[in-house]
Amino acid sequence: MENLVPRWGRRVGVKVAVRVRGEFVYVDDVDRGVPLVLLRETAHPEFWSFALGRGGRYVDGCLPSGAWTGAAEEILDHTWTYRQPAPPIGR
């Protein structure tokens, strides 16, 4: 996980910090100084549950498919999409 997250950060153009505490992996946006996502290990080693960083705290995350768990890279991609500003209405 410590290698995947920085590679993902370089791919999307954001500098990330990764902290691992037991079953939790915290991913923060270094430049903005805000939490991006909190990943939590599940019983299945390829799937993670997650919470999105929002307003200095974490809120439970759900993938567009409706799943509450997923592969780490899928969750990171969803996190990045979630963090982008919405396009203007009517354009």
PDB file of N, CA and C in Angstrom:
ATOM      1  N   MET A   1       0.828  -1.191   0.000  1.00  0.00           N
ATOM      2  CA  MET A   1       0.000   0.000   0.000  1.00  0.00           C
ATOM      3  C   MET A   1       0.874   1.257   0.000  1.00  0.00           C
ATOM      4  N   GLU A   2       1.984   1.226   0.752  1.00  0.00           N
ATOM      5  CA  GLU A   2       2.841   2.408   0.831  1.00  0.00           C
ATOM      6  C   GLU A   2       3.405   2.792  -0.536  1.00  0.00           C
ATOM      7  N   ASN A   3       3.550   1.832  -1.451  1.00  0.00           N
ATOM      8  CA  ASN A   3       4.052   2.123  -2.800  1.00  0.00           C
ATOM      9  C   ASN A   3       2.935   2.513  -3.757  1.00  0.00           C
ATOM     10  N   LEU A   4       1.775   1.897  -3.614  1.00  0.00           N
ATOM     11  CA  LEU A   4       0.654   2.167  -4.511  1.00  0.00           C
ATOM     12  C   LEU A   4       0.189   3.616  -4.408  1.00  0.00           C
ATOM     13  N   VAL A   5       0.033   4.119  -3.208  1.00  0.00           N
ATOM     14  CA  VAL A   5      -0.547   5.448  -3.025  1.00  0.00           C
ATOM     15  C   VAL A   5       0.332   6.550  -3.625  1.00  0.00           C
ATOM     16  N   PRO A   6       1.665   6.582  -3.369  1.00  0.00           N
ATOM     17  CA  PRO A   6       2.479   7.618  -4.025  1.00  0.00           C
ATOM     18  C   PRO A   6       2.467   7.520  -5.546  1.00  0.00           C
ATOM     19  N   ARG A   7       2.451   6.299  -6.091  1.00  0.00           N
ATOM     20  CA  ARG A   7       2.360   6.138  -7.557  1.00  0.00           C
ATOM     21  C   ARG A   7       1.055   6.724  -8.058  1.00  0.00           C
ATOM     22  N   TRP A   8      -0.025   6.456  -7.346  1.00  0.00           N
ATOM     23  CA  TRP A   8      -1.329   7.010  -7.720  1.00  0.00           C
ATOM     24  C   TRP A   8      -1.286   8.529  -7.646  1.00  0.00           C
ATOM     25  N   GLY A   9      -0.682   9.068  -6.589  1.00  0.00           N
ATOM     26  CA  GLY A   9      -0.588  10.515  -6.441  1.00  0.00           C
ATOM     27  C   GLY A   9       0.150  11.168  -7.596  1.00  0.00           C
ATOM     28  N   ARG A  10       1.248  10.557  -8.033  1.00  0.00           N
ATOM     29  CA  ARG A  10       1.986  11.094  -9.180  1.00  0.00           C
ATOM     30  C   ARG A  10       1.135  11.034 -10.443  1.00  0.00           C
ATOM     31  N   ARG A  11       0.360   9.972 -10.584  1.00  0.00           N
ATOM     32  CA  ARG A  11      -0.484   9.820 -11.781  1.00  0.00           C
ATOM     33  C   ARG A  11      -1.534  10.919 -11.877  1.00  0.00           C
ATOM     34  N   VAL A  12      -2.124  11.288 -10.761  1.00  0.00           N
ATOM     35  CA  VAL A  12      -3.174  12.321 -10.784  1.00  0.00           C
ATOM     36  C   VAL A  12      -2.627  13.706 -10.484  1.00  0.00           C
ATOM     37  N   GLY A  13      -1.333  13.804 -10.174  1.00  0.00           N
ATOM     38  CA  GLY A  13      -0.705  15.104  -9.977  1.00  0.00           C
ATOM     39  C   GLY A  13      -0.907  15.721  -8.608  1.00  0.00           C
ATOM     40  N   VAL A  14      -0.962  14.900  -7.570  1.00  0.00           N
ATOM     41  CA  VAL A  14      -1.104  15.424  -6.209  1.00  0.00           C
ATOM     42  C   VAL A  14      -0.034  14.777  -5.329  1.00  0.00           C
ATOM     43  N   LYS A  15       0.564  15.581  -4.457  1.00  0.00           N
ATOM     44  CA  LYS A  15       1.559  15.077  -3.525  1.00  0.00           C
ATOM     45  C   LYS A  15       0.821  14.541  -2.303  1.00  0.00           C
ATOM     46  N   VAL A  16       1.021  13.261  -2.002  1.00  0.00           N
ATOM     47  CA  VAL A  16       0.289  12.625  -0.911  1.00  0.00           C
ATOM     48  C   VAL A  16       1.230  12.177   0.198  1.00  0.00           C
ATOM     49  N   ALA A  17       0.694  12.146   1.392  1.00  0.00           N
ATOM     50  CA  ALA A  17       1.375  11.569   2.549  1.00  0.00           C
ATOM     51  C   ALA A  17       0.574  10.348   2.975  1.00  0.00           C
ATOM     52  N   VAL A  18       1.275   9.288   3.327  1.00  0.00           N
ATOM     53  CA  VAL A  18       0.632   8.035   3.718  1.00  0.00           C
ATOM     54  C   VAL A  18       1.049   7.704   5.151  1.00  0.00           C
ATOM     55  N   ARG A  19       0.055   7.441   5.996  1.00  0.00           N
ATOM     56  CA  ARG A  19       0.316   6.994   7.358  1.00  0.00           C
ATOM     57  C   ARG A  19      -0.420   5.690   7.573  1.00  0.00           C
ATOM     58  N   VAL A  20       0.295   4.694   8.075  1.00  0.00           N
ATOM     59  CA  VAL A  20      -0.313   3.392   8.361  1.00  0.00           C
ATOM     60  C   VAL A  20      -0.368   3.233   9.868  1.00  0.00           C
ATOM     61  N   ARG A  21      -1.570   2.978  10.373  1.00  0.00           N
ATOM     62  CA  ARG A  21      -1.782   2.762  11.802  1.00  0.00           C
ATOM     63  C   ARG A  21      -2.639   1.512  11.955  1.00  0.00           C
ATOM     64  N   GLY A  22      -1.987   0.387  12.214  1.00  0.00           N
ATOM     65  CA  GLY A  22      -2.722  -0.868  12.360  1.00  0.00           C
ATOM     66  C   GLY A  22      -3.420  -1.229  11.064  1.00  0.00           C
ATOM     67  N   GLU A  23      -4.729  -1.388  11.104  1.00  0.00           N
ATOM     68  CA  GLU A  23      -5.501  -1.768   9.914  1.00  0.00           C
ATOM     69  C   GLU A  23      -5.924  -0.576   9.075  1.00  0.00           C
ATOM     70  N   PHE A  24      -5.520   0.638   9.467  1.00  0.00           N
ATOM     71  CA  PHE A  24      -5.920   1.862   8.780  1.00  0.00           C
ATOM     72  C   PHE A  24      -4.771   2.464   7.981  1.00  0.00           C
ATOM     73  N   VAL A  25      -5.107   3.004   6.801  1.00  0.00           N
ATOM     74  CA  VAL A  25      -4.152   3.745   5.980  1.00  0.00           C
ATOM     75  C   VAL A  25      -4.760   5.124   5.730  1.00  0.00           C
ATOM     76  N   TYR A  26      -4.083   6.150   6.202  1.00  0.00           N
ATOM     77  CA  TYR A  26      -4.531   7.532   6.032  1.00  0.00           C
ATOM     78  C   TYR A  26      -3.794   8.139   4.841  1.00  0.00           C
ATOM     79  N   VAL A  27      -4.522   8.736   3.906  1.00  0.00           N
ATOM     80  CA  VAL A  27      -3.923   9.378   2.738  1.00  0.00           C
ATOM     81  C   VAL A  27      -4.326  10.851   2.774  1.00  0.00           C
ATOM     82  N   ASP A  28      -3.308  11.727   2.831  1.00  0.00           N
ATOM     83  CA  ASP A  28      -3.556  13.168   2.921  1.00  0.00           C
ATOM     84  C   ASP A  28      -2.990  13.886   1.704  1.00  0.00           C
ATOM     85  N   ASP A  29      -3.635  14.967   1.311  1.00  0.00           N
ATOM     86  CA  ASP A  29      -3.137  15.866   0.268  1.00  0.00           C
ATOM     87  C   ASP A  29      -2.158  16.812   0.954  1.00  0.00           C
ATOM     88  N   VAL A  30      -0.870  16.673   0.653  1.00  0.00           N
ATOM     89  CA  VAL A  30       0.165  17.456   1.328  1.00  0.00           C
ATOM     90  C   VAL A  30       0.038  18.940   1.003  1.00  0.00           C
ATOM     91  N   ASP A  31      -0.173  19.293  -0.262  1.00  0.00           N
ATOM     92  CA  ASP A  31      -0.225  20.699  -0.659  1.00  0.00           C
ATOM     93  C   ASP A  31      -1.399  21.444  -0.041  1.00  0.00           C
ATOM     94  N   ARG A  32      -2.539  20.795   0.040  1.00  0.00           N
ATOM     95  CA  ARG A  32      -3.727  21.441   0.626  1.00  0.00           C
ATOM     96  C   ARG A  32      -3.806  21.258   2.135  1.00  0.00           C
ATOM     97  N   GLY A  33      -3.071  20.270   2.641  1.00  0.00           N
ATOM     98  CA  GLY A  33      -3.104  19.988   4.074  1.00  0.00           C
ATOM     99  C   GLY A  33      -4.429  19.424   4.545  1.00  0.00           C
ATOM    100  N   VAL A  34      -5.057  18.612   3.689  1.00  0.00           N
ATOM    101  CA  VAL A  34      -6.359  18.037   4.046  1.00  0.00           C
ATOM    102  C   VAL A  34      -6.334  16.519   3.860  1.00  0.00           C
ATOM    103  N   PRO A  35      -7.154  15.808   4.641  1.00  0.00           N
ATOM    104  CA  PRO A  35      -7.254  14.362   4.447  1.00  0.00           C
ATOM    105  C   PRO A  35      -8.020  14.050   3.168  1.00  0.00           C
ATOM    106  N   LEU A  36      -7.528  13.064   2.422  1.00  0.00           N
ATOM    107  CA  LEU A  36      -8.232  12.626   1.215  1.00  0.00           C
ATOM    108  C   LEU A  36      -9.115  11.423   1.507  1.00  0.00           C
ATOM    109  N   VAL A  37      -8.507  10.394   2.083  1.00  0.00           N
ATOM    110  CA  VAL A  37      -9.257   9.157   2.289  1.00  0.00           C
ATOM    111  C   VAL A  37      -8.614   8.354   3.414  1.00  0.00           C
ATOM    112  N   LEU A  38      -9.443   7.589   4.093  1.00  0.00           N
ATOM    113  CA  LEU A  38      -9.006   6.647   5.111  1.00  0.00           C
ATOM    114  C   LEU A  38      -9.403   5.263   4.609  1.00  0.00           C
ATOM    115  N   LEU A  39      -8.426   4.404   4.414  1.00  0.00           N
ATOM    116  CA  LEU A  39      -8.678   3.039   3.969  1.00  0.00           C
ATOM    117  C   LEU A  39      -8.584   2.103   5.173  1.00  0.00           C
ATOM    118  N   ARG A  40      -9.449   1.094   5.212  1.00  0.00           N
ATOM    119  CA  ARG A  40      -9.423   0.125   6.307  1.00  0.00           C
ATOM    120  C   ARG A  40      -9.395  -1.277   5.723  1.00  0.00           C
ATOM    121  N   GLU A  41      -8.470  -2.084   6.244  1.00  0.00           N
ATOM    122  CA  GLU A  41      -8.378  -3.475   5.794  1.00  0.00           C
ATOM    123  C   GLU A  41      -9.677  -4.214   6.080  1.00  0.00           C
ATOM    124  N   THR A  42      -9.999  -5.152   5.191  1.00  0.00           N
ATOM    125  CA  THR A  42     -11.148  -6.031   5.421  1.00  0.00           C
ATOM    126  C   THR A  42     -10.630  -7.462   5.545  1.00  0.00           C
ATOM    127  N   ALA A  43     -11.520  -8.404   5.730  1.00  0.00           N
ATOM    128  CA  ALA A  43     -11.120  -9.808   5.836  1.00  0.00           C
ATOM    129  C   ALA A  43     -10.538 -10.327   4.525  1.00  0.00           C
ATOM    130  N   HIS A  44     -10.888  -9.713   3.418  1.00  0.00           N
ATOM    131  CA  HIS A  44     -10.364 -10.104   2.108  1.00  0.00           C
ATOM    132  C   HIS A  44      -9.204  -9.178   1.768  1.00  0.00           C
ATOM    133  N   PRO A  45      -7.999  -9.704   1.549  1.00  0.00           N
ATOM    134  CA  PRO A  45      -6.812  -8.855   1.391  1.00  0.00           C
ATOM    135  C   PRO A  45      -6.821  -7.911   0.193  1.00  0.00           C
ATOM    136  N   GLU A  46      -7.662  -8.149  -0.798  1.00  0.00           N
ATOM    137  CA  GLU A  46      -7.683  -7.280  -1.974  1.00  0.00           C
ATOM    138  C   GLU A  46      -8.748  -6.186  -1.889  1.00  0.00           C
ATOM    139  N   PHE A  47      -9.554  -6.215  -0.838  1.00  0.00           N
ATOM    140  CA  PHE A  47     -10.633  -5.239  -0.708  1.00  0.00           C
ATOM    141  C   PHE A  47     -10.453  -4.411   0.555  1.00  0.00           C
ATOM    142  N   TRP A  48     -10.841  -3.149   0.436  1.00  0.00           N
ATOM    143  CA  TRP A  48     -10.731  -2.189   1.515  1.00  0.00           C
ATOM    144  C   TRP A  48     -12.065  -1.480   1.692  1.00  0.00           C
ATOM    145  N   SER A  49     -12.404  -1.129   2.920  1.00  0.00           N
ATOM    146  CA  SER A  49     -13.512  -0.196   3.137  1.00  0.00           C
ATOM    147  C   SER A  49     -12.865   1.183   3.247  1.00  0.00           C
ATOM    148  N   PHE A  50     -13.667   2.223   3.153  1.00  0.00           N
ATOM    149  CA  PHE A  50     -13.056   3.549   3.136  1.00  0.00           C
ATOM    150  C   PHE A  50     -13.997   4.633   3.632  1.00  0.00           C
ATOM    151  N   ALA A  51     -13.374   5.739   3.998  1.00  0.00           N
ATOM    152  CA  ALA A  51     -14.096   6.953   4.368  1.00  0.00           C
ATOM    153  C   ALA A  51     -13.397   8.110   3.674  1.00  0.00           C
ATOM    154  N   LEU A  52     -14.163   9.044   3.154  1.00  0.00           N
ATOM    155  CA  LEU A  52     -13.622  10.188   2.434  1.00  0.00           C
ATOM    156  C   LEU A  52     -13.360  11.343   3.391  1.00  0.00           C
ATOM    157  N   GLY A  53     -12.221  12.013   3.197  1.00  0.00           N
ATOM    158  CA  GLY A  53     -11.922  13.191   3.991  1.00  0.00           C
ATOM    159  C   GLY A  53     -12.815  14.339   3.551  1.00  0.00           C
ATOM    160  N   ARG A  54     -13.479  14.951   4.517  1.00  0.00           N
ATOM    161  CA  ARG A  54     -14.397  16.045   4.182  1.00  0.00           C
ATOM    162  C   ARG A  54     -14.514  16.981   5.383  1.00  0.00           C
ATOM    163  N   GLY A  55     -14.160  18.232   5.191  1.00  0.00           N
ATOM    164  CA  GLY A  55     -14.272  19.209   6.262  1.00  0.00           C
ATOM    165  C   GLY A  55     -13.450  18.870   7.492  1.00  0.00           C
ATOM    166  N   GLY A  56     -12.276  18.264   7.309  1.00  0.00           N
ATOM    167  CA  GLY A  56     -11.424  17.930   8.438  1.00  0.00           C
ATOM    168  C   GLY A  56     -11.809  16.664   9.177  1.00  0.00           C
ATOM    169  N   ARG A  57     -12.796  15.941   8.684  1.00  0.00           N
ATOM    170  CA  ARG A  57     -13.181  14.659   9.298  1.00  0.00           C
ATOM    171  C   ARG A  57     -13.463  13.665   8.194  1.00  0.00           C
ATOM    172  N   TYR A  58     -13.844  12.472   8.561  1.00  0.00           N
ATOM    173  CA  TYR A  58     -14.096  11.426   7.571  1.00  0.00           C
ATOM    174  C   TYR A  58     -15.565  11.045   7.546  1.00  0.00           C
ATOM    175  N   VAL A  59     -16.081  10.799   6.324  1.00  0.00           N
ATOM    176  CA  VAL A  59     -17.458  10.323   6.158  1.00  0.00           C
ATOM    177  C   VAL A  59     -17.400   9.018   5.371  1.00  0.00           C
ATOM    178  N   ASP A  60     -18.278   8.080   5.724  1.00  0.00           N
ATOM    179  CA  ASP A  60     -18.279   6.785   5.055  1.00  0.00           C
ATOM    180  C   ASP A  60     -18.356   6.960   3.545  1.00  0.00           C
ATOM    181  N   GLY A  61     -17.591   6.144   2.823  1.00  0.00           N
ATOM    182  CA  GLY A  61     -17.571   6.216   1.374  1.00  0.00           C
ATOM    183  C   GLY A  61     -18.310   5.056   0.736  1.00  0.00           C
ATOM    184  N   CYS A  62     -18.811   5.305  -0.446  1.00  0.00           N
ATOM    185  CA  CYS A  62     -19.498   4.296  -1.245  1.00  0.00           C
ATOM    186  C   CYS A  62     -19.060   4.504  -2.691  1.00  0.00           C
ATOM    187  N   LEU A  63     -18.700   3.426  -3.356  1.00  0.00           N
ATOM    188  CA  LEU A  63     -18.284   3.519  -4.752  1.00  0.00           C
ATOM    189  C   LEU A  63     -19.492   3.761  -5.656  1.00  0.00           C
ATOM    190  N   PRO A  64     -19.276   4.283  -6.873  1.00  0.00           N
ATOM    191  CA  PRO A  64     -20.400   4.511  -7.787  1.00  0.00           C
ATOM    192  C   PRO A  64     -21.234   3.259  -8.053  1.00  0.00           C
ATOM    193  N   SER A  65     -20.609   2.083  -7.922  1.00  0.00           N
ATOM    194  CA  SER A  65     -21.335   0.826  -8.130  1.00  0.00           C
ATOM    195  C   SER A  65     -22.291   0.519  -6.985  1.00  0.00           C
ATOM    196  N   GLY A  66     -22.165   1.266  -5.877  1.00  0.00           N
ATOM    197  CA  GLY A  66     -22.974   0.996  -4.694  1.00  0.00           C
ATOM    198  C   GLY A  66     -22.246   0.145  -3.668  1.00  0.00           C
ATOM    199  N   ALA A  67     -21.049  -0.323  -4.011  1.00  0.00           N
ATOM    200  CA  ALA A  67     -20.274  -1.164  -3.103  1.00  0.00           C
ATOM    201  C   ALA A  67     -19.622  -0.319  -2.007  1.00  0.00           C
ATOM    202  N   TRP A  68     -19.547  -0.890  -0.816  1.00  0.00           N
ATOM    203  CA  TRP A  68     -18.907  -0.224   0.319  1.00  0.00           C
ATOM    204  C   TRP A  68     -17.437  -0.592   0.434  1.00  0.00           C
ATOM    205  N   THR A  69     -16.997  -1.566  -0.340  1.00  0.00           N
ATOM    206  CA  THR A  69     -15.595  -1.976  -0.355  1.00  0.00           C
ATOM    207  C   THR A  69     -15.133  -2.088  -1.800  1.00  0.00           C
ATOM    208  N   GLY A  70     -13.804  -2.051  -1.978  1.00  0.00           N
ATOM    209  CA  GLY A  70     -13.263  -2.199  -3.322  1.00  0.00           C
ATOM    210  C   GLY A  70     -11.758  -2.298  -3.283  1.00  0.00           C
ATOM    211  N   ALA A  71     -11.170  -2.450  -4.455  1.00  0.00           N
ATOM    212  CA  ALA A  71      -9.719  -2.469  -4.573  1.00  0.00           C
ATOM    213  C   ALA A  71      -9.182  -1.080  -4.240  1.00  0.00           C
ATOM    214  N   ALA A  72      -7.994  -1.029  -3.676  1.00  0.00           N
ATOM    215  CA  ALA A  72      -7.417   0.250  -3.235  1.00  0.00           C
ATOM    216  C   ALA A  72      -7.350   1.267  -4.374  1.00  0.00           C
ATOM    217  N   GLU A  73      -6.895   0.860  -5.555  1.00  0.00           N
ATOM    218  CA  GLU A  73      -6.768   1.819  -6.658  1.00  0.00           C
ATOM    219  C   GLU A  73      -8.131   2.335  -7.116  1.00  0.00           C
ATOM    220  N   GLU A  74      -9.137   1.482  -7.108  1.00  0.00           N
ATOM    221  CA  GLU A  74     -10.489   1.918  -7.466  1.00  0.00           C
ATOM    222  C   GLU A  74     -10.989   2.967  -6.468  1.00  0.00           C
ATOM    223  N   ILE A  75     -10.725   2.747  -5.194  1.00  0.00           N
ATOM    224  CA  ILE A  75     -11.135   3.707  -4.168  1.00  0.00           C
ATOM    225  C   ILE A  75     -10.389   5.022  -4.332  1.00  0.00           C
ATOM    226  N   LEU A  76      -9.083   4.948  -4.594  1.00  0.00           N
ATOM    227  CA  LEU A  76      -8.300   6.173  -4.783  1.00  0.00           C
ATOM    228  C   LEU A  76      -8.794   6.960  -5.994  1.00  0.00           C
ATOM    229  N   ASP A  77      -9.089   6.271  -7.102  1.00  0.00           N
ATOM    230  CA  ASP A  77      -9.620   6.960  -8.287  1.00  0.00           C
ATOM    231  C   ASP A  77     -10.957   7.630  -7.966  1.00  0.00           C
ATOM    232  N   HIS A  78     -11.813   6.929  -7.248  1.00  0.00           N
ATOM    233  CA  HIS A  78     -13.109   7.500  -6.858  1.00  0.00           C
ATOM    234  C   HIS A  78     -12.905   8.721  -5.957  1.00  0.00           C
ATOM    235  N   THR A  79     -11.945   8.623  -5.038  1.00  0.00           N
ATOM    236  CA  THR A  79     -11.647   9.741  -4.143  1.00  0.00           C
ATOM    237  C   THR A  79     -11.249  10.967  -4.939  1.00  0.00           C
ATOM    238  N   TRP A  80     -10.399  10.770  -5.946  1.00  0.00           N
ATOM    239  CA  TRP A  80      -9.937  11.901  -6.749  1.00  0.00           C
ATOM    240  C   TRP A  80     -11.096  12.509  -7.529  1.00  0.00           C
ATOM    241  N   THR A  81     -11.949  11.687  -8.118  1.00  0.00           N
ATOM    242  CA  THR A  81     -13.119  12.172  -8.851  1.00  0.00           C
ATOM    243  C   THR A  81     -14.036  12.957  -7.913  1.00  0.00           C
ATOM    244  N   TYR A  82     -14.242  12.433  -6.726  1.00  0.00           N
ATOM    245  CA  TYR A  82     -15.092  13.074  -5.719  1.00  0.00           C
ATOM    246  C   TYR A  82     -14.555  14.448  -5.331  1.00  0.00           C
ATOM    247  N   ARG A  83     -13.232  14.614  -5.293  1.00  0.00           N
ATOM    248  CA  ARG A  83     -12.608  15.863  -4.849  1.00  0.00           C
ATOM    249  C   ARG A  83     -12.600  16.956  -5.916  1.00  0.00           C
ATOM    250  N   GLN A  84     -12.880  16.608  -7.167  1.00  0.00           N
ATOM    251  CA  GLN A  84     -12.829  17.595  -8.248  1.00  0.00           C
ATOM    252  C   GLN A  84     -14.080  18.466  -8.227  1.00  0.00           C
ATOM    253  N   PRO A  85     -13.929  19.742  -8.572  1.00  0.00           N
ATOM    254  CA  PRO A  85     -15.115  20.608  -8.620  1.00  0.00           C
ATOM    255  C   PRO A  85     -16.089  20.162  -9.708  1.00  0.00           C
ATOM    256  N   ALA A  86     -17.335  20.336  -9.442  1.00  0.00           N
ATOM    257  CA  ALA A  86     -18.361  19.988 -10.429  1.00  0.00           C
ATOM    258  C   ALA A  86     -18.307  20.969 -11.583  1.00  0.00           C
ATOM    259  N   PRO A  87     -18.590  20.499 -12.806  1.00  0.00           N
ATOM    260  CA  PRO A  87     -18.608  21.429 -13.943  1.00  0.00           C
ATOM    261  C   PRO A  87     -19.753  22.418 -13.796  1.00  0.00           C
ATOM    262  N   PRO A  88     -19.615  23.614 -14.364  1.00  0.00           N
ATOM    263  CA  PRO A  88     -20.698  24.605 -14.264  1.00  0.00           C
ATOM    264  C   PRO A  88     -21.974  24.079 -14.914  1.00  0.00           C
ATOM    265  N   ILE A  89     -23.098  24.434 -14.343  1.00  0.00           N
ATOM    266  CA  ILE A  89     -24.399  24.021 -14.896  1.00  0.00           C
ATOM    267  C   ILE A  89     -24.673  24.812 -16.172  1.00  0.00           C
ATOM    268  N   GLY A  90     -25.175  24.139 -17.185  1.00  0.00           N
ATOM    269  CA  GLY A  90     -25.549  24.792 -18.427  1.00  0.00           C
ATOM    270  C   GLY A  90     -24.417  24.937 -19.432  1.00  0.00           C
ATOM    271  N   ARG A  91     -23.300  24.298 -19.178  1.00  0.00           N
ATOM    272  CA  ARG A  91     -22.196  24.367 -20.143  1.00  0.00           C
ATOM    273  C   ARG A  91     -21.889  23.033 -20.712  1.00  0.00           C
TER     274      ARG A  91
END
